Amino acid sequence: MKDFLIIKACGHKDENLEIENIKSLAELYGMNTKVVCIENYDSLQEALTSNGQYDYIYLSSHGGSDGFCNELRTLDVKWMEFGELICESDCLKGNSILLLSCCRGGLNEVAYDMFWNCLKIEYVVGPRQSLTSSDLLIGFHLLLYNLEHRGIDPIVACDKVLKGTDIRFKCFDRMETESDPAFIARCKELDKLFDIE
């Protein structure tokens, strides 16, 4: 049985409905679900280190190319920090998928930084543009339906989201991304920045 961690970190008025729907959907597909509410960095760290290992992590937050935050700004985490936290916490099983339910969660830079920081992340999925909760919800519904019910490859499942909604979700597969020249250049830049040889 698969395990699904939902991190509720946004704080906007529609988030409860989004989370209830995603939780119900994951359970419909036979997954064990755990919902954790995050208010700051410490509670995020605690959620990742004390709840076991997961096949999916679903992050509900406000997001951008640099990181994610909550409505009150008591939580403001860079993607690099998030990748490091995920890796250090050992909260992922093999072939894990990170679902970023936040604006701009599907940007190349986000996936590159997550992959560079944590070898345990196999897939990163998120929207390329700014979206409402209802847009995110329908996109992730289609994605999970195609992944879990139909058994479709994550990249193809993201294509189905675009075809069904005109919403641009992007899936990054670690194995494919590692040969991308832009990813290789970003890794060299990060290695130099963090003085890694």
Protein backbone atom coordinates (compact mmCIF):
# COMPACT_ATOMS: atom_id res chain seq x y z
CA MET A 1 0.00 0.00 0.00
CA LYS A 2 1.28 3.47 -0.88
CA ASP A 3 1.65 6.29 1.62
CA PHE A 4 0.69 9.88 0.87
CA LEU A 5 1.84 12.86 2.99
CA ILE A 6 -0.12 16.09 2.57
CA ILE A 7 1.61 19.21 3.86
CA LYS A 8 -0.91 21.96 4.46
CA ALA A 9 1.15 25.15 4.49
CA CYS A 10 -0.70 27.84 2.56
CA GLY A 11 -3.36 29.26 4.86
CA HIS A 12 -5.73 30.70 2.23
CA LYS A 13 -9.51 30.30 2.50
CA ASP A 14 -9.86 27.51 -0.11
CA GLU A 15 -7.05 25.33 1.19
CA ASN A 16 -9.19 23.17 3.50
CA LEU A 17 -11.44 22.16 0.62
CA GLU A 18 -8.45 21.43 -1.61
CA ILE A 19 -6.81 19.26 1.06
CA GLU A 20 -10.04 17.37 1.87
CA ASN A 21 -10.47 16.56 -1.83
CA ILE A 22 -6.87 15.43 -2.35
CA LYS A 23 -7.01 13.31 0.81
CA SER A 24 -10.25 11.65 -0.33
CA LEU A 25 -8.83 11.04 -3.79
CA ALA A 26 -5.66 9.41 -2.45
CA GLU A 27 -7.75 7.21 -0.16
CA LEU A 28 -10.03 6.29 -3.06
CA TYR A 29 -6.93 4.92 -4.80
CA GLY A 30 -6.07 2.84 -1.72
CA MET A 31 -3.35 5.00 -0.22
CA ASN A 32 -2.70 5.69 3.44
CA THR A 33 -2.87 9.45 3.97
CA LYS A 34 -1.43 11.75 6.59
CA VAL A 35 -2.23 15.49 6.71
CA VAL A 36 0.09 17.80 8.62
CA CYS A 37 -0.44 21.53 9.16
CA ILE A 38 2.71 23.63 8.92
CA GLU A 39 3.10 27.12 10.36
CA ASN A 40 6.89 27.60 10.39
CA TYR A 41 10.20 25.99 9.49
CA ASP A 42 10.38 23.98 12.71
CA SER A 43 6.94 22.44 12.18
CA LEU A 44 7.91 21.56 8.60
CA GLN A 45 11.07 19.86 9.82
CA GLU A 46 9.09 17.98 12.48
CA ALA A 47 6.48 16.83 9.93
CA LEU A 48 9.12 15.42 7.61
CA THR A 49 11.17 13.68 10.30
CA SER A 50 8.47 12.13 12.48
CA ASN A 51 5.86 10.66 10.15
CA GLY A 52 7.56 7.74 8.37
CA GLN A 53 8.29 7.28 4.66
CA TYR A 54 6.08 8.22 1.74
CA ASP A 55 5.52 7.47 -1.94
CA TYR A 56 3.99 10.93 -2.46
CA ILE A 57 4.48 14.26 -0.75
CA TYR A 58 1.85 16.86 -1.63
CA LEU A 59 2.81 20.44 -0.70
CA SER A 60 0.02 23.02 -0.54
CA SER A 61 1.54 26.52 -0.32
CA HIS A 62 2.19 29.80 -2.07
CA GLY A 63 5.16 29.34 -4.37
CA GLY A 64 7.57 30.94 -6.77
CA SER A 65 10.87 30.24 -8.48
CA ASP A 66 12.88 30.66 -5.23
CA GLY A 67 10.73 28.85 -2.69
CA PHE A 68 7.39 28.63 -0.95
CA CYS A 69 5.61 30.38 1.91
CA ASN A 70 2.33 30.63 3.74
CA GLU A 71 -0.21 33.43 3.77
CA LEU A 72 1.06 34.93 7.05
CA ARG A 73 4.75 34.68 6.05
CA THR A 74 5.58 32.73 9.22
CA LEU A 75 6.91 30.08 6.82
CA ASP A 76 9.30 31.04 4.02
CA VAL A 77 11.42 28.18 2.68
CA LYS A 78 13.79 28.11 -0.29
CA TRP A 79 13.51 25.11 -2.61
CA MET A 80 17.12 24.29 -1.78
CA GLU A 81 16.25 24.11 1.93
CA PHE A 82 13.19 21.98 1.23
CA GLY A 83 15.23 19.49 -0.81
CA GLU A 84 17.79 19.30 1.99
CA LEU A 85 15.07 18.75 4.61
CA ILE A 86 13.48 15.97 2.56
CA CYS A 87 16.82 14.24 2.12
CA GLU A 88 17.95 14.54 5.73
CA SER A 89 14.59 13.39 7.08
CA ASP A 90 14.64 10.14 5.06
CA CYS A 91 10.89 10.57 4.51
CA LEU A 92 10.78 9.15 0.97
CA LYS A 93 10.44 5.62 -0.31
CA GLY A 94 11.96 4.57 -3.64
CA ASN A 95 10.40 6.03 -6.82
CA SER A 96 8.81 8.86 -4.84
CA ILE A 97 6.87 11.74 -6.36
CA LEU A 98 6.86 15.30 -5.04
CA LEU A 99 3.60 17.11 -5.92
CA LEU A 100 3.95 20.89 -5.62
CA SER A 101 0.50 22.44 -5.32
CA CYS A 102 1.65 26.01 -5.57
CA CYS A 103 2.06 28.63 -8.26
CA ARG A 104 5.17 28.03 -10.35
CA GLY A 105 5.93 24.68 -8.70
CA GLY A 106 6.61 23.16 -12.12
CA LEU A 107 9.49 25.42 -13.10
CA ASN A 108 12.77 23.90 -14.26
CA GLU A 109 14.78 25.73 -11.58
CA VAL A 110 12.59 24.26 -8.85
CA ALA A 111 13.06 20.68 -10.04
CA TYR A 112 16.78 21.19 -10.67
CA ASP A 113 17.36 22.47 -7.13
CA MET A 114 15.28 19.67 -5.61
CA PHE A 115 17.13 16.96 -7.59
CA TRP A 116 20.53 18.47 -6.84
CA ASN A 117 19.79 18.52 -3.14
CA CYS A 118 18.16 15.11 -2.75
CA LEU A 119 18.91 11.93 -4.69
CA LYS A 120 15.83 10.29 -3.17
CA ILE A 121 13.40 12.42 -5.19
CA GLU A 122 12.52 10.62 -8.44
CA TYR A 123 9.84 12.95 -9.82
CA VAL A 124 8.83 16.58 -9.26
CA VAL A 125 5.41 17.68 -10.53
CA GLY A 126 3.83 21.12 -10.45
CA PRO A 127 2.10 23.81 -12.49
CA ARG A 128 4.09 26.12 -14.74
CA GLN A 129 1.87 29.13 -14.12
CA SER A 130 -0.08 30.85 -11.34
CA LEU A 131 -3.34 29.06 -10.57
CA THR A 132 -6.31 29.06 -8.22
CA SER A 133 -7.03 26.22 -5.80
CA SER A 134 -9.78 24.91 -8.09
CA ASP A 135 -7.33 24.82 -11.03
CA LEU A 136 -4.73 23.02 -8.92
CA LEU A 137 -7.32 20.59 -7.62
CA ILE A 138 -8.61 19.54 -11.05
CA GLY A 139 -5.04 19.23 -12.32
CA PHE A 140 -3.95 16.97 -9.47
CA HIS A 141 -7.18 14.97 -9.75
CA LEU A 142 -6.40 14.16 -13.37
CA LEU A 143 -2.78 13.47 -12.56
CA LEU A 144 -3.54 11.02 -9.73
CA TYR A 145 -6.29 9.34 -11.76
CA ASN A 146 -3.83 8.67 -14.56
CA LEU A 147 -0.98 7.66 -12.23
CA GLU A 148 -2.84 5.47 -9.76
CA HIS A 149 -5.97 4.26 -11.54
CA ARG A 150 -4.61 3.88 -15.05
CA GLY A 151 -0.97 3.20 -14.20
CA ILE A 152 0.34 5.77 -16.69
CA ASP A 153 3.89 7.13 -16.63
CA PRO A 154 4.11 10.43 -14.67
CA ILE A 155 5.25 12.47 -17.69
CA VAL A 156 2.42 11.15 -19.85
CA ALA A 157 -0.01 11.73 -16.96
CA CYS A 158 1.03 15.42 -16.93
CA ASP A 159 0.37 15.59 -20.68
CA LYS A 160 -3.16 14.34 -19.95
CA VAL A 161 -3.66 17.26 -17.54
CA LEU A 162 -2.74 19.73 -20.29
CA LYS A 163 -4.98 18.02 -22.84
CA GLY A 164 -7.91 17.86 -20.43
CA THR A 165 -7.70 21.34 -18.93
CA ASP A 166 -5.23 23.56 -20.85
CA ILE A 167 -3.38 23.86 -17.52
CA ARG A 168 0.37 23.40 -17.90
CA PHE A 169 1.59 20.86 -15.37
CA LYS A 170 5.18 19.73 -15.74
CA CYS A 171 6.69 16.47 -14.56
CA PHE A 172 10.43 16.16 -14.17
CA ASP A 173 11.84 12.63 -14.18
CA ARG A 174 15.22 12.46 -12.45
CA MET A 175 16.68 10.00 -14.98
CA GLU A 176 15.70 12.19 -17.94
CA THR A 177 16.57 15.46 -16.26
CA GLU A 178 20.09 14.37 -15.31
CA SER A 179 21.12 14.39 -19.00
CA ASP A 180 19.60 17.82 -19.70
CA PRO A 181 22.37 20.39 -20.44
CA ALA A 182 20.51 23.05 -18.44
CA PHE A 183 20.40 20.76 -15.40
CA ILE A 184 24.09 19.91 -15.76
CA ALA A 185 24.93 23.63 -15.94
CA ARG A 186 22.80 24.32 -12.84
CA CYS A 187 24.53 21.51 -10.94
CA LYS A 188 27.94 22.95 -11.80
CA GLU A 189 26.77 26.37 -10.66
CA LEU A 190 25.47 24.95 -7.36
CA ASP A 191 28.60 22.84 -6.83
CA LYS A 192 30.71 25.98 -7.24
CA LEU A 193 28.39 28.06 -5.04
CA PHE A 194 28.52 25.49 -2.22
CA ASP A 195 32.19 24.67 -2.85
CA ILE A 196 31.61 21.00 -3.73
CA GLU A 197 34.22 19.23 -5.83
